[in-house]
Amino acid sequence: MNRFELIRQWANKKGIYDKGDPKTQTLKLVEESGELAKAILNDDQSEVIDAIGDCVVVLTSIAHMRGVTIEQCIDEAYNVISKRKGKMINGTFVKNK
């Protein structure tokens, strides 16, 4: 069983799918993203790892609630970015228009 399936089983047992919804989970994602930003600003590697993991867990639940899997979302994103052209500008990849 892969990690994403384990996350889905955990979320189901915790009632996230029955009692939550994509809106509340999106708010949770914003909270976790804020924790990630704080950890990066504080150069706290253990908190960075924790926050990234939390974001992935929440994204896995949002995908499930929307009737797709996180694996499908990752595959779709990779299919798009793998063909993308652009360049790095001030530390950020900027895609060609």
N, C-alpha and C. Protein backbone atom coordinates (compact mmCIF):
# COMPACT_ATOMS: atom_id res chain seq x y z
N MET A 1 0.86 -1.17 0.00
CA MET A 1 0.00 0.00 0.00
C MET A 1 0.91 1.24 0.00
N ASN A 2 0.58 2.20 -0.85
CA ASN A 2 1.42 3.40 -0.93
C ASN A 2 1.05 4.42 0.13
N ARG A 3 1.91 5.41 0.30
CA ARG A 3 1.71 6.42 1.34
C ARG A 3 0.40 7.18 1.16
N PHE A 4 0.05 7.48 -0.07
CA PHE A 4 -1.18 8.25 -0.30
C PHE A 4 -2.41 7.45 0.12
N GLU A 5 -2.39 6.15 -0.14
CA GLU A 5 -3.51 5.32 0.29
C GLU A 5 -3.58 5.28 1.82
N LEU A 6 -2.43 5.21 2.46
CA LEU A 6 -2.41 5.25 3.93
C LEU A 6 -2.98 6.57 4.46
N ILE A 7 -2.65 7.67 3.79
CA ILE A 7 -3.20 8.98 4.18
C ILE A 7 -4.72 8.97 4.02
N ARG A 8 -5.20 8.43 2.89
CA ARG A 8 -6.65 8.39 2.66
C ARG A 8 -7.35 7.53 3.72
N GLN A 9 -6.74 6.41 4.08
CA GLN A 9 -7.33 5.57 5.13
C GLN A 9 -7.36 6.31 6.47
N TRP A 10 -6.27 6.99 6.79
CA TRP A 10 -6.22 7.76 8.03
C TRP A 10 -7.31 8.84 8.05
N ALA A 11 -7.42 9.60 6.96
CA ALA A 11 -8.42 10.67 6.88
C ALA A 11 -9.83 10.11 7.00
N ASN A 12 -10.07 8.98 6.39
CA ASN A 12 -11.39 8.35 6.48
C ASN A 12 -11.69 7.96 7.93
N LYS A 13 -10.72 7.34 8.60
CA LYS A 13 -10.92 6.93 10.00
C LYS A 13 -11.14 8.12 10.92
N LYS A 14 -10.51 9.24 10.62
CA LYS A 14 -10.65 10.44 11.44
C LYS A 14 -11.93 11.23 11.14
N GLY A 15 -12.69 10.80 10.14
CA GLY A 15 -13.94 11.47 9.81
C GLY A 15 -13.78 12.70 8.93
N ILE A 16 -12.59 12.89 8.39
CA ILE A 16 -12.36 14.07 7.56
C ILE A 16 -13.25 14.04 6.32
N TYR A 17 -13.44 12.88 5.73
CA TYR A 17 -14.26 12.79 4.51
C TYR A 17 -15.75 12.89 4.82
N ASP A 18 -16.16 12.43 5.99
CA ASP A 18 -17.58 12.47 6.36
C ASP A 18 -18.00 13.83 6.93
N LYS A 19 -17.13 14.44 7.72
CA LYS A 19 -17.50 15.66 8.43
C LYS A 19 -16.85 16.92 7.88
N GLY A 20 -15.85 16.75 7.04
CA GLY A 20 -15.17 17.90 6.44
C GLY A 20 -15.69 18.16 5.04
N ASP A 21 -15.13 19.15 4.41
CA ASP A 21 -15.45 19.41 3.02
C ASP A 21 -14.25 20.11 2.38
N PRO A 22 -14.23 20.22 1.06
CA PRO A 22 -13.07 20.85 0.40
C PRO A 22 -12.81 22.28 0.86
N LYS A 23 -13.86 23.00 1.25
CA LYS A 23 -13.65 24.39 1.70
C LYS A 23 -12.89 24.42 3.02
N THR A 24 -13.31 23.61 3.97
CA THR A 24 -12.61 23.61 5.26
C THR A 24 -11.20 23.06 5.11
N GLN A 25 -11.04 22.09 4.25
CA GLN A 25 -9.70 21.55 4.02
C GLN A 25 -8.80 22.56 3.31
N THR A 26 -9.37 23.38 2.46
CA THR A 26 -8.57 24.43 1.80
C THR A 26 -8.12 25.46 2.82
N LEU A 27 -8.97 25.79 3.77
CA LEU A 27 -8.55 26.68 4.86
C LEU A 27 -7.42 26.04 5.67
N LYS A 28 -7.51 24.74 5.89
CA LYS A 28 -6.45 24.03 6.59
C LYS A 28 -5.15 24.10 5.79
N LEU A 29 -5.25 24.00 4.47
CA LEU A 29 -4.07 24.09 3.61
C LEU A 29 -3.41 25.47 3.73
N VAL A 30 -4.22 26.51 3.79
CA VAL A 30 -3.69 27.87 3.96
C VAL A 30 -2.95 27.96 5.31
N GLU A 31 -3.53 27.40 6.34
CA GLU A 31 -2.88 27.39 7.66
C GLU A 31 -1.53 26.68 7.58
N GLU A 32 -1.53 25.50 6.96
CA GLU A 32 -0.29 24.73 6.85
C GLU A 32 0.73 25.45 5.98
N SER A 33 0.29 26.13 4.95
CA SER A 33 1.20 26.90 4.09
C SER A 33 1.83 28.04 4.88
N GLY A 34 1.06 28.65 5.75
CA GLY A 34 1.59 29.69 6.62
C GLY A 34 2.66 29.14 7.55
N GLU A 35 2.43 27.95 8.07
CA GLU A 35 3.43 27.32 8.93
C GLU A 35 4.70 27.01 8.14
N LEU A 36 4.53 26.62 6.88
CA LEU A 36 5.69 26.37 6.02
C LEU A 36 6.48 27.65 5.80
N ALA A 37 5.78 28.73 5.49
CA ALA A 37 6.45 30.02 5.27
C ALA A 37 7.22 30.44 6.52
N LYS A 38 6.60 30.30 7.69
CA LYS A 38 7.25 30.67 8.94
C LYS A 38 8.50 29.82 9.17
N ALA A 39 8.38 28.53 8.91
CA ALA A 39 9.53 27.63 9.10
C ALA A 39 10.68 27.98 8.16
N ILE A 40 10.35 28.34 6.94
CA ILE A 40 11.39 28.74 5.98
C ILE A 40 12.04 30.04 6.43
N LEU A 41 11.23 30.99 6.81
CA LEU A 41 11.78 32.27 7.28
C LEU A 41 12.67 32.10 8.51
N ASN A 42 12.32 31.14 9.37
CA ASN A 42 13.11 30.87 10.57
C ASN A 42 14.23 29.87 10.33
N ASP A 43 14.35 29.39 9.10
CA ASP A 43 15.36 28.40 8.73
C ASP A 43 15.32 27.19 9.67
N ASP A 44 14.09 26.72 9.93
CA ASP A 44 13.86 25.60 10.83
C ASP A 44 13.54 24.36 9.99
N GLN A 45 14.58 23.59 9.69
CA GLN A 45 14.44 22.47 8.76
C GLN A 45 13.44 21.42 9.24
N SER A 46 13.42 21.09 10.52
CA SER A 46 12.48 20.07 10.98
C SER A 46 11.04 20.55 10.82
N GLU A 47 10.79 21.84 11.05
CA GLU A 47 9.45 22.39 10.86
C GLU A 47 9.10 22.50 9.37
N VAL A 48 10.08 22.76 8.53
CA VAL A 48 9.85 22.77 7.07
C VAL A 48 9.37 21.39 6.63
N ILE A 49 10.06 20.36 7.07
CA ILE A 49 9.69 18.98 6.70
C ILE A 49 8.28 18.67 7.20
N ASP A 50 7.99 19.02 8.45
CA ASP A 50 6.66 18.77 9.02
C ASP A 50 5.58 19.51 8.23
N ALA A 51 5.82 20.78 7.91
CA ALA A 51 4.80 21.57 7.21
C ALA A 51 4.57 21.07 5.78
N ILE A 52 5.64 20.70 5.09
CA ILE A 52 5.47 20.14 3.74
C ILE A 52 4.65 18.86 3.82
N GLY A 53 4.97 18.01 4.77
CA GLY A 53 4.20 16.78 4.93
C GLY A 53 2.73 17.06 5.23
N ASP A 54 2.47 18.03 6.11
CA ASP A 54 1.09 18.39 6.42
C ASP A 54 0.36 18.90 5.19
N CYS A 55 1.04 19.70 4.38
CA CYS A 55 0.41 20.21 3.14
C CYS A 55 0.05 19.05 2.22
N VAL A 56 0.93 18.08 2.10
CA VAL A 56 0.66 16.92 1.23
C VAL A 56 -0.54 16.13 1.76
N VAL A 57 -0.61 15.97 3.07
CA VAL A 57 -1.75 15.25 3.66
C VAL A 57 -3.05 15.97 3.34
N VAL A 58 -3.08 17.28 3.53
CA VAL A 58 -4.30 18.05 3.27
C VAL A 58 -4.64 18.02 1.78
N LEU A 59 -3.65 18.17 0.92
CA LEU A 59 -3.90 18.12 -0.53
C LEU A 59 -4.44 16.75 -0.95
N THR A 60 -3.96 15.70 -0.31
CA THR A 60 -4.46 14.36 -0.60
C THR A 60 -5.94 14.26 -0.27
N SER A 61 -6.33 14.86 0.85
CA SER A 61 -7.75 14.84 1.24
C SER A 61 -8.60 15.70 0.31
N ILE A 62 -8.11 16.86 -0.05
CA ILE A 62 -8.89 17.72 -0.95
C ILE A 62 -9.11 17.01 -2.28
N ALA A 63 -8.06 16.40 -2.81
CA ALA A 63 -8.21 15.67 -4.08
C ALA A 63 -9.27 14.59 -3.94
N HIS A 64 -9.20 13.81 -2.87
CA HIS A 64 -10.17 12.73 -2.66
C HIS A 64 -11.60 13.28 -2.60
N MET A 65 -11.77 14.38 -1.89
CA MET A 65 -13.10 14.98 -1.77
C MET A 65 -13.62 15.50 -3.10
N ARG A 66 -12.73 15.81 -4.02
CA ARG A 66 -13.12 16.31 -5.35
C ARG A 66 -13.22 15.18 -6.37
N GLY A 67 -13.05 13.93 -5.92
CA GLY A 67 -13.26 12.79 -6.79
C GLY A 67 -12.06 12.40 -7.65
N VAL A 68 -10.89 12.87 -7.26
CA VAL A 68 -9.66 12.48 -7.96
C VAL A 68 -8.66 12.03 -6.91
N THR A 69 -7.53 11.51 -7.37
CA THR A 69 -6.47 11.16 -6.43
C THR A 69 -5.35 12.17 -6.54
N ILE A 70 -4.59 12.27 -5.47
CA ILE A 70 -3.42 13.15 -5.49
C ILE A 70 -2.44 12.66 -6.57
N GLU A 71 -2.40 11.36 -6.78
CA GLU A 71 -1.52 10.81 -7.81
C GLU A 71 -1.91 11.34 -9.19
N GLN A 72 -3.22 11.38 -9.47
CA GLN A 72 -3.69 11.94 -10.75
C GLN A 72 -3.30 13.40 -10.88
N CYS A 73 -3.44 14.14 -9.79
CA CYS A 73 -3.10 15.57 -9.82
C CYS A 73 -1.62 15.78 -10.08
N ILE A 74 -0.78 14.99 -9.42
CA ILE A 74 0.66 15.09 -9.62
C ILE A 74 1.02 14.73 -11.05
N ASP A 75 0.44 13.65 -11.56
CA ASP A 75 0.72 13.24 -12.94
C ASP A 75 0.32 14.32 -13.93
N GLU A 76 -0.84 14.91 -13.74
CA GLU A 76 -1.32 15.96 -14.64
C GLU A 76 -0.39 17.18 -14.58
N ALA A 77 -0.02 17.57 -13.37
CA ALA A 77 0.89 18.72 -13.23
C ALA A 77 2.22 18.42 -13.90
N TYR A 78 2.75 17.21 -13.70
CA TYR A 78 4.03 16.88 -14.32
C TYR A 78 3.93 16.88 -15.84
N ASN A 79 2.84 16.35 -16.36
CA ASN A 79 2.66 16.35 -17.82
C ASN A 79 2.69 17.76 -18.39
N VAL A 80 2.18 18.72 -17.65
CA VAL A 80 2.18 20.12 -18.09
C VAL A 80 3.57 20.74 -17.92
N ILE A 81 4.15 20.61 -16.73
CA ILE A 81 5.42 21.29 -16.48
C ILE A 81 6.58 20.67 -17.25
N SER A 82 6.48 19.38 -17.56
CA SER A 82 7.59 18.72 -18.26
C SER A 82 7.79 19.30 -19.66
N LYS A 83 6.77 19.93 -20.21
CA LYS A 83 6.86 20.51 -21.56
C LYS A 83 7.07 22.03 -21.50
N ARG A 84 7.06 22.59 -20.32
CA ARG A 84 7.10 24.03 -20.15
C ARG A 84 8.49 24.59 -20.45
N LYS A 85 8.50 25.70 -21.14
CA LYS A 85 9.73 26.43 -21.44
C LYS A 85 9.72 27.73 -20.64
N GLY A 86 10.90 28.19 -20.28
CA GLY A 86 11.01 29.44 -19.53
C GLY A 86 12.41 29.60 -19.01
N LYS A 87 12.56 30.49 -18.02
CA LYS A 87 13.88 30.75 -17.46
C LYS A 87 13.74 31.21 -16.02
N MET A 88 14.86 31.14 -15.32
CA MET A 88 14.91 31.60 -13.93
C MET A 88 15.13 33.10 -13.92
N ILE A 89 14.28 33.79 -13.17
CA ILE A 89 14.41 35.24 -12.99
C ILE A 89 14.30 35.52 -11.50
N ASN A 90 15.34 36.09 -10.91
CA ASN A 90 15.35 36.43 -9.49
C ASN A 90 14.93 35.26 -8.59
N GLY A 91 15.42 34.06 -8.92
CA GLY A 91 15.15 32.90 -8.08
C GLY A 91 13.81 32.22 -8.33
N THR A 92 13.06 32.65 -9.34
CA THR A 92 11.77 32.07 -9.66
C THR A 92 11.74 31.66 -11.12
N PHE A 93 11.23 30.44 -11.40
CA PHE A 93 11.07 30.01 -12.79
C PHE A 93 9.87 30.74 -13.39
N VAL A 94 10.10 31.42 -14.49
CA VAL A 94 9.04 32.15 -15.18
C VAL A 94 8.83 31.48 -16.52
N LYS A 95 7.60 30.97 -16.73
CA LYS A 95 7.34 30.26 -17.97
C LYS A 95 7.16 31.23 -19.12
N ASN A 96 7.53 30.75 -20.33
CA ASN A 96 7.30 31.53 -21.53
C ASN A 96 5.80 31.60 -21.79
N LYS A 97 5.39 32.71 -22.39
CA LYS A 97 3.96 32.87 -22.69
C LYS A 97 3.64 32.32 -24.06
